[in-house]
Amino acid sequence: MNYHKKIFRPVENTDNGETSSETVFFYEQIGDIVRGTYQGGEIVSGQLLARILSDASLDMRYQQINKTGEIRTGICHSIPEILSDGRIRLYESWQWTSGDFSKGNSIIEEQNP
C-alpha cells in the first residue's frame, strides 16, 4: 500500500469527532511509517504518526488543536479499501486519549490532486 503524497478528506464521522468534510489530511510515507498533517473545519492544526501493519492497515496516534484552543490526542486503527477508480478509502476506528476518552468511527477518502 502506498500512502505517500496522498491527500484525504473525511466523508463520514461520528458526532464526537472533530473532523469534517472541511478537514484535509496530507500523508507522507517512508518505509512502513506514515506521518501526516491536517487542518480545516474545527481543527486548526493536527499531526499523525502511524505504522503500516502487514495487512496494510494503519496503527496510528494523533494530536490536534481545535478552534477553542484545546489540545486533543487519540489512537486510531485504519483499514484500507481500494476503490474502483484506484483511490484509497480508509475505515477508521478511533478513541480519544484525552478529554472524554470516547470512541468513534470515520471514513476518509483519497482526493484527486
N, C-alpha and C. Protein backbone atom coordinates (compact mmCIF):
# COMPACT_ATOMS: atom_id res chain seq x y z
N MET A 1 0.86 -1.18 0.00
CA MET A 1 0.00 0.00 0.00
C MET A 1 0.90 1.24 0.00
N ASN A 2 0.57 2.17 -0.85
CA ASN A 2 1.37 3.39 -0.94
C ASN A 2 0.53 4.57 -0.46
N TYR A 3 0.91 5.13 0.68
CA TYR A 3 0.23 6.29 1.23
C TYR A 3 0.99 7.59 0.94
N HIS A 4 2.12 7.50 0.25
CA HIS A 4 2.99 8.67 0.06
C HIS A 4 2.34 9.74 -0.82
N LYS A 5 2.36 10.96 -0.32
CA LYS A 5 1.83 12.15 -1.01
C LYS A 5 0.34 12.02 -1.34
N LYS A 6 -0.39 11.30 -0.47
CA LYS A 6 -1.83 11.16 -0.65
C LYS A 6 -2.54 12.26 0.16
N ILE A 7 -3.65 12.74 -0.38
CA ILE A 7 -4.49 13.74 0.27
C ILE A 7 -5.84 13.09 0.54
N PHE A 8 -6.33 13.21 1.78
CA PHE A 8 -7.59 12.60 2.18
C PHE A 8 -8.54 13.65 2.76
N ARG A 9 -9.83 13.37 2.63
CA ARG A 9 -10.88 14.17 3.28
C ARG A 9 -11.90 13.21 3.90
N PRO A 10 -12.43 13.57 5.06
CA PRO A 10 -13.48 12.75 5.67
C PRO A 10 -14.77 12.78 4.85
N VAL A 11 -15.43 11.63 4.77
CA VAL A 11 -16.75 11.54 4.16
C VAL A 11 -17.81 11.16 5.19
N GLU A 12 -17.36 10.62 6.35
CA GLU A 12 -18.26 10.29 7.46
C GLU A 12 -17.48 10.41 8.76
N ASN A 13 -18.19 10.78 9.83
CA ASN A 13 -17.59 10.80 11.16
C ASN A 13 -18.71 10.74 12.19
N THR A 14 -18.44 10.12 13.32
CA THR A 14 -19.41 10.11 14.41
C THR A 14 -19.43 11.48 15.07
N ASP A 15 -20.50 11.77 15.79
CA ASP A 15 -20.72 13.11 16.35
C ASP A 15 -19.64 13.57 17.32
N ASN A 16 -18.97 12.65 17.99
CA ASN A 16 -17.94 13.03 18.96
C ASN A 16 -16.59 13.30 18.33
N GLY A 17 -16.50 13.21 16.99
CA GLY A 17 -15.26 13.52 16.29
C GLY A 17 -15.19 14.99 15.93
N GLU A 18 -14.00 15.46 15.59
CA GLU A 18 -13.82 16.87 15.25
C GLU A 18 -13.53 17.10 13.77
N THR A 19 -13.27 16.05 13.01
CA THR A 19 -13.01 16.25 11.59
C THR A 19 -14.34 16.37 10.83
N SER A 20 -14.26 17.03 9.68
CA SER A 20 -15.43 17.22 8.82
C SER A 20 -14.96 17.23 7.37
N SER A 21 -15.88 17.44 6.45
CA SER A 21 -15.51 17.49 5.03
C SER A 21 -14.57 18.67 4.74
N GLU A 22 -14.46 19.61 5.67
CA GLU A 22 -13.55 20.75 5.51
C GLU A 22 -12.12 20.42 5.94
N THR A 23 -11.92 19.27 6.58
CA THR A 23 -10.60 18.86 7.06
C THR A 23 -9.84 18.18 5.94
N VAL A 24 -8.59 18.56 5.75
CA VAL A 24 -7.74 17.98 4.71
C VAL A 24 -6.53 17.34 5.37
N PHE A 25 -6.27 16.07 5.02
CA PHE A 25 -5.13 15.31 5.54
C PHE A 25 -4.09 15.17 4.44
N PHE A 26 -2.83 15.42 4.77
CA PHE A 26 -1.70 15.26 3.84
C PHE A 26 -0.79 14.17 4.41
N TYR A 27 -0.65 13.05 3.70
CA TYR A 27 0.14 11.91 4.16
C TYR A 27 1.48 11.84 3.43
N GLU A 28 2.51 11.40 4.15
CA GLU A 28 3.81 11.07 3.60
C GLU A 28 4.19 9.70 4.14
N GLN A 29 4.93 8.92 3.35
CA GLN A 29 5.34 7.59 3.77
C GLN A 29 6.82 7.40 3.53
N ILE A 30 7.48 6.86 4.55
CA ILE A 30 8.88 6.45 4.45
C ILE A 30 8.95 5.03 5.00
N GLY A 31 9.19 4.06 4.13
CA GLY A 31 9.20 2.65 4.56
C GLY A 31 7.82 2.28 5.06
N ASP A 32 7.75 1.76 6.28
CA ASP A 32 6.45 1.38 6.85
C ASP A 32 5.92 2.41 7.84
N ILE A 33 6.42 3.64 7.76
CA ILE A 33 5.99 4.73 8.62
C ILE A 33 5.22 5.76 7.79
N VAL A 34 4.05 6.15 8.30
CA VAL A 34 3.27 7.22 7.68
C VAL A 34 3.20 8.36 8.68
N ARG A 35 3.45 9.56 8.18
CA ARG A 35 3.25 10.74 9.00
C ARG A 35 2.38 11.69 8.21
N GLY A 36 1.67 12.52 8.93
CA GLY A 36 0.77 13.42 8.24
C GLY A 36 0.46 14.65 9.03
N THR A 37 -0.07 15.62 8.31
CA THR A 37 -0.59 16.84 8.92
C THR A 37 -2.01 17.02 8.42
N TYR A 38 -2.80 17.75 9.20
CA TYR A 38 -4.17 18.02 8.78
C TYR A 38 -4.68 19.29 9.43
N GLN A 39 -5.67 19.89 8.76
CA GLN A 39 -6.29 21.11 9.27
C GLN A 39 -7.58 21.34 8.52
N GLY A 40 -8.40 22.22 9.07
CA GLY A 40 -9.65 22.60 8.42
C GLY A 40 -10.85 22.27 9.27
N GLY A 41 -11.91 23.01 9.05
CA GLY A 41 -13.10 22.85 9.88
C GLY A 41 -12.79 23.28 11.30
N GLU A 42 -13.07 22.44 12.26
CA GLU A 42 -12.84 22.75 13.68
C GLU A 42 -11.37 22.59 14.09
N ILE A 43 -10.54 22.04 13.20
CA ILE A 43 -9.16 21.74 13.55
C ILE A 43 -8.22 22.81 12.98
N VAL A 44 -7.49 23.47 13.88
CA VAL A 44 -6.52 24.48 13.48
C VAL A 44 -5.25 23.81 12.97
N SER A 45 -4.78 22.79 13.69
CA SER A 45 -3.57 22.08 13.30
C SER A 45 -3.58 20.69 13.91
N GLY A 46 -3.21 19.70 13.09
CA GLY A 46 -3.13 18.33 13.57
C GLY A 46 -1.95 17.60 12.98
N GLN A 47 -1.47 16.60 13.71
CA GLN A 47 -0.36 15.75 13.27
C GLN A 47 -0.71 14.31 13.57
N LEU A 48 -0.24 13.40 12.71
CA LEU A 48 -0.43 11.98 12.97
C LEU A 48 0.85 11.22 12.65
N LEU A 49 1.00 10.10 13.30
CA LEU A 49 2.12 9.20 13.08
C LEU A 49 1.57 7.79 13.12
N ALA A 50 1.89 7.00 12.10
CA ALA A 50 1.33 5.65 12.01
C ALA A 50 2.37 4.67 11.49
N ARG A 51 2.14 3.41 11.85
CA ARG A 51 2.93 2.31 11.32
C ARG A 51 2.02 1.49 10.43
N ILE A 52 2.54 1.11 9.25
CA ILE A 52 1.77 0.26 8.35
C ILE A 52 1.96 -1.19 8.80
N LEU A 53 0.86 -1.87 9.08
CA LEU A 53 0.91 -3.26 9.52
C LEU A 53 0.94 -4.19 8.30
N SER A 54 1.13 -5.48 8.53
CA SER A 54 1.29 -6.44 7.44
C SER A 54 0.06 -6.53 6.53
N ASP A 55 -1.13 -6.15 7.03
CA ASP A 55 -2.34 -6.17 6.22
C ASP A 55 -2.63 -4.82 5.55
N ALA A 56 -1.65 -3.91 5.59
CA ALA A 56 -1.72 -2.55 5.01
C ALA A 56 -2.56 -1.59 5.84
N SER A 57 -3.09 -2.04 6.97
CA SER A 57 -3.82 -1.13 7.86
C SER A 57 -2.83 -0.25 8.61
N LEU A 58 -3.35 0.80 9.22
CA LEU A 58 -2.51 1.76 9.94
C LEU A 58 -2.79 1.71 11.43
N ASP A 59 -1.72 1.61 12.23
CA ASP A 59 -1.77 1.74 13.68
C ASP A 59 -1.29 3.15 13.97
N MET A 60 -2.20 4.04 14.38
CA MET A 60 -1.94 5.48 14.37
C MET A 60 -2.12 6.14 15.74
N ARG A 61 -1.36 7.20 15.93
CA ARG A 61 -1.54 8.13 17.05
C ARG A 61 -1.68 9.52 16.45
N TYR A 62 -2.53 10.35 17.06
CA TYR A 62 -2.72 11.70 16.52
C TYR A 62 -2.86 12.71 17.64
N GLN A 63 -2.57 13.97 17.28
CA GLN A 63 -2.74 15.10 18.20
C GLN A 63 -3.19 16.30 17.38
N GLN A 64 -4.03 17.11 17.99
CA GLN A 64 -4.57 18.25 17.26
C GLN A 64 -4.97 19.37 18.21
N ILE A 65 -5.02 20.57 17.66
CA ILE A 65 -5.52 21.74 18.38
C ILE A 65 -6.77 22.20 17.63
N ASN A 66 -7.86 22.36 18.38
CA ASN A 66 -9.11 22.78 17.74
C ASN A 66 -9.31 24.29 17.88
N LYS A 67 -10.39 24.79 17.32
CA LYS A 67 -10.65 26.24 17.30
C LYS A 67 -10.86 26.84 18.69
N THR A 68 -11.21 26.01 19.67
CA THR A 68 -11.37 26.52 21.03
C THR A 68 -10.06 26.50 21.81
N GLY A 69 -8.97 26.05 21.14
CA GLY A 69 -7.66 26.04 21.77
C GLY A 69 -7.33 24.78 22.54
N GLU A 70 -8.22 23.79 22.51
CA GLU A 70 -7.96 22.52 23.20
C GLU A 70 -6.95 21.69 22.42
N ILE A 71 -6.04 21.04 23.15
CA ILE A 71 -5.17 20.04 22.56
C ILE A 71 -5.83 18.70 22.81
N ARG A 72 -6.11 17.95 21.74
CA ARG A 72 -6.75 16.65 21.83
C ARG A 72 -5.80 15.60 21.27
N THR A 73 -5.80 14.41 21.85
CA THR A 73 -4.96 13.31 21.39
C THR A 73 -5.81 12.05 21.26
N GLY A 74 -5.31 11.12 20.42
CA GLY A 74 -6.06 9.89 20.26
C GLY A 74 -5.27 8.80 19.56
N ILE A 75 -5.91 7.63 19.50
CA ILE A 75 -5.37 6.47 18.79
C ILE A 75 -6.38 6.08 17.72
N CYS A 76 -5.89 5.46 16.65
CA CYS A 76 -6.76 5.12 15.53
C CYS A 76 -6.23 3.87 14.82
N HIS A 77 -7.15 3.03 14.37
CA HIS A 77 -6.80 1.91 13.51
C HIS A 77 -7.56 2.11 12.20
N SER A 78 -6.84 2.20 11.08
CA SER A 78 -7.44 2.47 9.77
C SER A 78 -7.27 1.28 8.85
N ILE A 79 -8.37 0.81 8.29
CA ILE A 79 -8.36 -0.33 7.37
C ILE A 79 -8.62 0.19 5.96
N PRO A 80 -7.69 -0.08 5.01
CA PRO A 80 -7.83 0.47 3.67
C PRO A 80 -8.72 -0.38 2.76
N GLU A 81 -9.35 0.31 1.82
CA GLU A 81 -10.07 -0.32 0.71
C GLU A 81 -9.64 0.43 -0.55
N ILE A 82 -9.36 -0.30 -1.63
CA ILE A 82 -9.05 0.34 -2.90
C ILE A 82 -10.36 0.47 -3.68
N LEU A 83 -10.73 1.69 -4.01
CA LEU A 83 -11.96 1.95 -4.75
C LEU A 83 -11.79 1.59 -6.22
N SER A 84 -12.88 1.47 -6.94
CA SER A 84 -12.84 1.06 -8.35
C SER A 84 -12.01 2.00 -9.21
N ASP A 85 -11.89 3.26 -8.79
CA ASP A 85 -11.09 4.22 -9.55
C ASP A 85 -9.64 4.29 -9.08
N GLY A 86 -9.25 3.39 -8.14
CA GLY A 86 -7.87 3.31 -7.68
C GLY A 86 -7.56 4.13 -6.44
N ARG A 87 -8.50 4.98 -6.02
CA ARG A 87 -8.28 5.78 -4.81
C ARG A 87 -8.40 4.90 -3.57
N ILE A 88 -7.83 5.40 -2.46
CA ILE A 88 -7.87 4.68 -1.18
C ILE A 88 -8.99 5.25 -0.31
N ARG A 89 -9.78 4.36 0.28
CA ARG A 89 -10.75 4.72 1.31
C ARG A 89 -10.27 4.06 2.60
N LEU A 90 -10.26 4.82 3.70
CA LEU A 90 -9.85 4.30 5.00
C LEU A 90 -11.04 4.27 5.96
N TYR A 91 -11.30 3.07 6.52
CA TYR A 91 -12.32 2.89 7.54
C TYR A 91 -11.61 2.97 8.89
N GLU A 92 -11.96 3.97 9.68
CA GLU A 92 -11.20 4.27 10.89
C GLU A 92 -12.02 4.02 12.17
N SER A 93 -11.40 3.33 13.10
CA SER A 93 -11.93 3.16 14.46
C SER A 93 -10.96 3.89 15.37
N TRP A 94 -11.47 4.87 16.13
CA TRP A 94 -10.57 5.70 16.92
C TRP A 94 -11.11 5.90 18.33
N GLN A 95 -10.20 6.38 19.20
CA GLN A 95 -10.58 6.71 20.57
C GLN A 95 -9.76 7.89 21.03
N TRP A 96 -10.43 8.83 21.68
CA TRP A 96 -9.71 9.94 22.30
C TRP A 96 -8.90 9.42 23.48
N THR A 97 -7.67 9.90 23.61
CA THR A 97 -6.85 9.58 24.79
C THR A 97 -6.74 10.81 25.68
N SER A 98 -7.59 11.78 25.43
CA SER A 98 -7.73 12.98 26.26
C SER A 98 -9.22 13.33 26.26
N GLY A 99 -9.58 14.29 27.09
CA GLY A 99 -10.99 14.69 27.15
C GLY A 99 -11.86 13.59 27.69
N ASP A 100 -12.90 13.21 26.95
CA ASP A 100 -13.88 12.23 27.46
C ASP A 100 -13.52 10.77 27.16
N PHE A 101 -12.43 10.52 26.46
CA PHE A 101 -11.95 9.17 26.14
C PHE A 101 -12.98 8.35 25.35
N SER A 102 -13.89 9.03 24.67
CA SER A 102 -14.92 8.32 23.90
C SER A 102 -14.34 7.72 22.62
N LYS A 103 -15.11 6.80 22.04
CA LYS A 103 -14.71 6.12 20.81
C LYS A 103 -15.58 6.58 19.66
N GLY A 104 -15.08 6.38 18.43
CA GLY A 104 -15.86 6.74 17.26
C GLY A 104 -15.35 6.04 16.01
N ASN A 105 -16.04 6.31 14.92
CA ASN A 105 -15.69 5.74 13.62
C ASN A 105 -15.78 6.83 12.56
N SER A 106 -14.90 6.75 11.60
CA SER A 106 -14.93 7.69 10.49
C SER A 106 -14.47 6.99 9.22
N ILE A 107 -14.76 7.63 8.10
CA ILE A 107 -14.30 7.15 6.79
C ILE A 107 -13.67 8.36 6.12
N ILE A 108 -12.44 8.17 5.62
CA ILE A 108 -11.80 9.21 4.83
C ILE A 108 -11.44 8.64 3.46
N GLU A 109 -11.46 9.50 2.44
CA GLU A 109 -11.16 9.05 1.08
C GLU A 109 -10.08 9.91 0.46
N GLU A 110 -9.25 9.24 -0.32
CA GLU A 110 -8.22 9.94 -1.08
C GLU A 110 -8.87 10.90 -2.07
N GLN A 111 -8.29 12.08 -2.17
CA GLN A 111 -8.75 13.10 -3.11
C GLN A 111 -7.82 13.14 -4.31
N ASN A 112 -8.36 13.44 -5.45
CA ASN A 112 -7.51 13.64 -6.62
C ASN A 112 -6.75 14.95 -6.45
N PRO A 113 -5.46 14.96 -6.84
CA PRO A 113 -4.66 16.19 -6.63
C PRO A 113 -5.18 17.37 -7.41
